[in-house]
PDB file of N, CA and C in Angstrom:
ATOM      1  N   MET A   1       0.760  -1.205  -0.005  1.00  0.00           N
ATOM      2  CA  MET A   1      -0.107  -0.018  -0.028  1.00  0.00           C
ATOM      3  C   MET A   1       0.802   1.349   0.010  1.00  0.00           C
ATOM      4  N   ALA A   2       1.947   1.155   0.777  1.00  0.00           N
ATOM      5  CA  ALA A   2       2.737   2.385   0.810  1.00  0.00           C
ATOM      6  C   ALA A   2       3.389   2.636  -0.599  1.00  0.00           C
ATOM      7  N   GLN A   3       3.893   1.750  -1.266  1.00  0.00           N
ATOM      8  CA  GLN A   3       4.411   1.803  -2.676  1.00  0.00           C
ATOM      9  C   GLN A   3       3.324   2.502  -3.511  1.00  0.00           C
ATOM     10  N   LEU A   4       2.088   2.061  -3.505  1.00  0.00           N
ATOM     11  CA  LEU A   4       1.178   2.525  -4.266  1.00  0.00           C
ATOM     12  C   LEU A   4       0.922   4.065  -4.026  1.00  0.00           C
ATOM     13  N   GLN A   5       0.964   4.399  -2.805  1.00  0.00           N
ATOM     14  CA  GLN A   5       0.662   5.761  -2.414  1.00  0.00           C
ATOM     15  C   GLN A   5       1.803   6.589  -2.798  1.00  0.00           C
ATOM     16  N   ARG A   6       3.086   6.220  -2.747  1.00  0.00           N
ATOM     17  CA  ARG A   6       4.276   6.997  -3.163  1.00  0.00           C
ATOM     18  C   ARG A   6       4.088   7.066  -4.691  1.00  0.00           C
ATOM     19  N   THR A   7       3.677   6.142  -5.375  1.00  0.00           N
ATOM     20  CA  THR A   7       3.339   6.230  -6.983  1.00  0.00           C
ATOM     21  C   THR A   7       2.305   7.311  -7.141  1.00  0.00           C
ATOM     22  N   LEU A   8       1.350   7.206  -6.488  1.00  0.00           N
ATOM     23  CA  LEU A   8       0.346   8.247  -6.836  1.00  0.00           C
ATOM     24  C   LEU A   8       0.763   9.634  -6.394  1.00  0.00           C
ATOM     25  N   ASP A   9       1.565   9.930  -5.312  1.00  0.00           N
ATOM     26  CA  ASP A   9       2.084  11.152  -4.910  1.00  0.00           C
ATOM     27  C   ASP A   9       3.145  11.593  -5.963  1.00  0.00           C
ATOM     28  N   ASP A  10       3.806  10.764  -6.563  1.00  0.00           N
ATOM     29  CA  ASP A  10       4.971  11.206  -7.359  1.00  0.00           C
ATOM     30  C   ASP A  10       4.686  11.028  -8.957  1.00  0.00           C
ATOM     31  N   LEU A  11       3.551  10.711  -9.262  1.00  0.00           N
ATOM     32  CA  LEU A  11       3.315  10.399 -10.785  1.00  0.00           C
ATOM     33  C   LEU A  11       3.263  11.640 -11.695  1.00  0.00           C
ATOM     34  N   ASP A  12       3.422  12.872 -10.919  1.00  0.00           N
ATOM     35  CA  ASP A  12       3.256  13.920 -11.828  1.00  0.00           C
ATOM     36  C   ASP A  12       4.782  14.452 -12.119  1.00  0.00           C
ATOM     37  N   GLY A  13       5.727  13.668 -11.722  1.00  0.00           N
ATOM     38  CA  GLY A  13       7.144  14.259 -11.915  1.00  0.00           C
ATOM     39  C   GLY A  13       8.052  12.941 -12.201  1.00  0.00           C
ATOM     40  N   CYS A  14       9.227  13.203 -12.234  1.00  0.00           N
ATOM     41  CA  CYS A  14      10.208  12.179 -12.536  1.00  0.00           C
ATOM     42  C   CYS A  14      10.094  10.997 -11.443  1.00  0.00           C
ATOM     43  N   ILE A  15       9.923   9.774 -11.731  1.00  0.00           N
ATOM     44  CA  ILE A  15      10.013   8.544 -10.976  1.00  0.00           C
ATOM     45  C   ILE A  15      11.206   7.718 -11.149  1.00  0.00           C
ATOM     46  N   GLY A  16      12.134   8.237 -11.956  1.00  0.00           N
ATOM     47  CA  GLY A  16      13.486   7.600 -12.035  1.00  0.00           C
ATOM     48  C   GLY A  16      13.465   6.254 -12.929  1.00  0.00           C
ATOM     49  N   CYS A  17      12.466   6.327 -13.963  1.00  0.00           N
ATOM     50  CA  CYS A  17      12.146   5.002 -14.646  1.00  0.00           C
ATOM     51  C   CYS A  17      13.109   5.020 -15.864  1.00  0.00           C
ATOM     52  N   GLY A  18      13.839   5.924 -16.186  1.00  0.00           N
ATOM     53  CA  GLY A  18      14.860   6.025 -17.276  1.00  0.00           C
ATOM     54  C   GLY A  18      14.337   6.588 -18.621  1.00  0.00           C
ATOM     55  N   CYS A  19      12.886   6.834 -18.712  1.00  0.00           N
ATOM     56  CA  CYS A  19      12.415   7.519 -20.054  1.00  0.00           C
ATOM     57  C   CYS A  19      12.965   8.753 -20.433  1.00  0.00           C
ATOM     58  N   LEU A  20      13.309   9.686 -19.289  1.00  0.00           N
ATOM     59  CA  LEU A  20      13.679  11.017 -19.482  1.00  0.00           C
ATOM     60  C   LEU A  20      12.824  11.846 -20.430  1.00  0.00           C
ATOM     61  N   SER A  21      11.513  11.568 -20.354  1.00  0.00           N
ATOM     62  CA  SER A  21      10.591  12.339 -21.445  1.00  0.00           C
ATOM     63  C   SER A  21      10.187  13.626 -20.718  1.00  0.00           C
ATOM     64  N   LEU A  22      10.266  14.008 -19.427  1.00  0.00           N
ATOM     65  CA  LEU A  22       9.717  15.086 -18.907  1.00  0.00           C
ATOM     66  C   LEU A  22      10.940  16.185 -18.801  1.00  0.00           C
ATOM     67  N   ARG A  23      10.709  17.240 -18.955  1.00  0.00           N
ATOM     68  CA  ARG A  23      11.845  18.322 -18.684  1.00  0.00           C
ATOM     69  C   ARG A  23      12.658  18.022 -17.326  1.00  0.00           C
ATOM     70  N   LYS A  24      11.715  17.841 -16.475  1.00  0.00           N
ATOM     71  CA  LYS A  24      12.258  17.630 -14.928  1.00  0.00           C
ATOM     72  C   LYS A  24      13.152  16.466 -14.844  1.00  0.00           C
ATOM     73  N   CYS A  25      13.156  15.491 -15.656  1.00  0.00           N
ATOM     74  CA  CYS A  25      13.832  14.181 -15.570  1.00  0.00           C
ATOM     75  C   CYS A  25      15.334  14.436 -15.664  1.00  0.00           C
ATOM     76  N   ALA A  26      15.703  15.496 -16.417  1.00  0.00           N
ATOM     77  CA  ALA A  26      17.230  15.898 -16.477  1.00  0.00           C
ATOM     78  C   ALA A  26      17.701  16.447 -15.280  1.00  0.00           C
ATOM     79  N   LEU A  27      16.837  17.058 -14.488  1.00  0.00           N
ATOM     80  CA  LEU A  27      17.292  17.609 -13.208  1.00  0.00           C
ATOM     81  C   LEU A  27      17.351  16.610 -12.105  1.00  0.00           C
ATOM     82  N   TYR A  28      16.298  15.846 -12.074  1.00  0.00           N
ATOM     83  CA  TYR A  28      15.877  14.816 -10.928  1.00  0.00           C
ATOM     84  C   TYR A  28      16.716  13.574 -11.198  1.00  0.00           C
ATOM     85  N   ASN A  29      17.087  13.095 -12.454  1.00  0.00           N
ATOM     86  CA  ASN A  29      17.813  11.942 -12.849  1.00  0.00           C
ATOM     87  C   ASN A  29      18.772  12.036 -13.998  1.00  0.00           C
ATOM     88  N   PRO A  30      19.853  13.077 -13.685  1.00  0.00           N
ATOM     89  CA  PRO A  30      20.707  13.220 -14.886  1.00  0.00           C
ATOM     90  C   PRO A  30      21.460  12.133 -15.484  1.00  0.00           C
ATOM     91  N   GLY A  31      21.258  12.070 -16.753  1.00  0.00           N
ATOM     92  CA  GLY A  31      21.962  10.814 -17.438  1.00  0.00           C
ATOM     93  C   GLY A  31      21.370   9.481 -17.052  1.00  0.00           C
ATOM     94  N   ASP A  32      20.134   9.407 -16.487  1.00  0.00           N
ATOM     95  CA  ASP A  32      19.494   8.248 -15.964  1.00  0.00           C
ATOM     96  C   ASP A  32      20.437   7.492 -14.850  1.00  0.00           C
ATOM     97  N   ARG A  33      21.096   8.231 -13.963  1.00  0.00           N
ATOM     98  CA  ARG A  33      21.817   7.674 -12.826  1.00  0.00           C
ATOM     99  C   ARG A  33      21.236   6.552 -12.090  1.00  0.00           C
ATOM    100  N   ALA A  34      19.914   6.710 -11.886  1.00  0.00           N
ATOM    101  CA  ALA A  34      19.075   5.863 -11.111  1.00  0.00           C
ATOM    102  C   ALA A  34      19.160   4.449 -11.703  1.00  0.00           C
ATOM    103  N   ALA A  35      19.347   4.182 -12.962  1.00  0.00           N
ATOM    104  CA  ALA A  35      19.443   3.046 -13.706  1.00  0.00           C
ATOM    105  C   ALA A  35      20.504   2.157 -12.983  1.00  0.00           C
ATOM    106  N   ALA A  36      21.505   2.558 -12.543  1.00  0.00           N
ATOM    107  CA  ALA A  36      22.469   1.705 -11.823  1.00  0.00           C
ATOM    108  C   ALA A  36      22.123   0.842 -10.866  1.00  0.00           C
ATOM    109  N   ASN A  37      20.824   1.168 -10.315  1.00  0.00           N
ATOM    110  CA  ASN A  37      20.461   0.483  -9.119  1.00  0.00           C
ATOM    111  C   ASN A  37      19.199  -0.553  -9.672  1.00  0.00           C
ATOM    112  N   GLY A  38      19.015  -0.698 -11.112  1.00  0.00           N
ATOM    113  CA  GLY A  38      17.989  -1.649 -11.626  1.00  0.00           C
ATOM    114  C   GLY A  38      16.996  -0.977 -12.502  1.00  0.00           C
ATOM    115  N   ALA A  39      16.030  -1.853 -13.016  1.00  0.00           N
ATOM    116  CA  ALA A  39      14.976  -1.087 -13.931  1.00  0.00           C
ATOM    117  C   ALA A  39      13.954  -0.661 -13.079  1.00  0.00           C
ATOM    118  N   GLY A  40      13.015  -0.042 -13.735  1.00  0.00           N
ATOM    119  CA  GLY A  40      11.783   0.272 -13.040  1.00  0.00           C
ATOM    120  C   GLY A  40      11.620   1.692 -12.423  1.00  0.00           C
ATOM    121  N   PRO A  41      10.761   2.176 -11.803  1.00  0.00           N
ATOM    122  CA  PRO A  41      10.477   3.345 -11.196  1.00  0.00           C
ATOM    123  C   PRO A  41      11.385   3.508  -9.962  1.00  0.00           C
ATOM    124  N   ARG A  42      12.699   3.775  -9.902  1.00  0.00           N
ATOM    125  CA  ARG A  42      13.570   3.716  -8.786  1.00  0.00           C
ATOM    126  C   ARG A  42      13.256   4.539  -7.874  1.00  0.00           C
ATOM    127  N   PHE A  43      12.633   5.793  -8.135  1.00  0.00           N
ATOM    128  CA  PHE A  43      12.364   6.795  -7.011  1.00  0.00           C
ATOM    129  C   PHE A  43      10.940   6.237  -6.276  1.00  0.00           C
ATOM    130  N   ILE A  44      10.198   5.389  -6.799  1.00  0.00           N
ATOM    131  CA  ILE A  44       9.116   4.793  -6.093  1.00  0.00           C
ATOM    132  C   ILE A  44       9.600   3.690  -5.279  1.00  0.00           C
ATOM    133  N   LEU A  45      10.446   2.830  -5.856  1.00  0.00           N
ATOM    134  CA  LEU A  45      10.872   1.657  -5.110  1.00  0.00           C
ATOM    135  C   LEU A  45      11.914   1.843  -3.953  1.00  0.00           C
ATOM    136  N   VAL A  46      12.678   2.895  -4.083  1.00  0.00           N
ATOM    137  CA  VAL A  46      13.669   3.410  -3.017  1.00  0.00           C
ATOM    138  C   VAL A  46      13.592   4.762  -2.977  1.00  0.00           C
ATOM    139  N   SER A  47      14.161   5.603  -1.950  1.00  0.00           N
ATOM    140  CA  SER A  47      14.231   6.894  -1.861  1.00  0.00           C
ATOM    141  C   SER A  47      15.058   7.464  -3.114  1.00  0.00           C
ATOM    142  N   ARG A  48      14.734   8.664  -3.615  1.00  0.00           N
ATOM    143  CA  ARG A  48      15.664   9.381  -4.634  1.00  0.00           C
ATOM    144  C   ARG A  48      17.123   9.365  -4.238  1.00  0.00           C
ATOM    145  N   LYS A  49      17.391   9.633  -2.979  1.00  0.00           N
ATOM    146  CA  LYS A  49      18.784   9.682  -2.405  1.00  0.00           C
ATOM    147  C   LYS A  49      19.501   8.362  -2.522  1.00  0.00           C
ATOM    148  N   VAL A  50      18.673   7.197  -2.289  1.00  0.00           N
ATOM    149  CA  VAL A  50      19.342   5.992  -2.458  1.00  0.00           C
ATOM    150  C   VAL A  50      19.386   5.582  -4.025  1.00  0.00           C
ATOM    151  N   ALA A  51      18.595   5.793  -4.712  1.00  0.00           N
ATOM    152  CA  ALA A  51      18.541   5.508  -6.045  1.00  0.00           C
ATOM    153  C   ALA A  51      19.680   6.200  -6.873  1.00  0.00           C
ATOM    154  N   LEU A  52      19.935   7.330  -6.447  1.00  0.00           N
ATOM    155  CA  LEU A  52      21.187   8.179  -7.014  1.00  0.00           C
ATOM    156  C   LEU A  52      22.550   8.045  -6.266  1.00  0.00           C
ATOM    157  N   ASN A  53      22.445   7.144  -5.367  1.00  0.00           N
ATOM    158  CA  ASN A  53      23.590   6.983  -4.355  1.00  0.00           C
ATOM    159  C   ASN A  53      24.356   8.286  -4.116  1.00  0.00           C
ATOM    160  N   LEU A  54      23.460   9.010  -3.507  1.00  0.00           N
ATOM    161  CA  LEU A  54      23.821  10.403  -2.871  1.00  0.00           C
ATOM    162  C   LEU A  54      24.304  10.276  -1.534  1.00  0.00           C
ATOM    163  N   GLN A  55      25.340  10.951  -1.130  1.00  0.00           N
ATOM    164  CA  GLN A  55      25.874  10.762   0.227  1.00  0.00           C
ATOM    165  C   GLN A  55      25.135  11.908   1.021  1.00  0.00           C
ATOM    166  N   ASP A  56      25.106  11.834   2.347  1.00  0.00           N
ATOM    167  CA  ASP A  56      24.645  13.001   3.361  1.00  0.00           C
ATOM    168  C   ASP A  56      25.475  14.120   3.254  1.00  0.00           C
TER     169      ASP A  56
END
């Protein structure tokens, strides 16, 4: 249920799926960096920070 809710909440922006079809995608997922962690909507499956391997 939580994953479905995150999908609903984030569906209007980049979800890290790799399509890079929205202008926002180049900002949120430059060069499809999230793909390094696998296929699919990476920002829904894990946090954006984890998907992009960002440090604190």
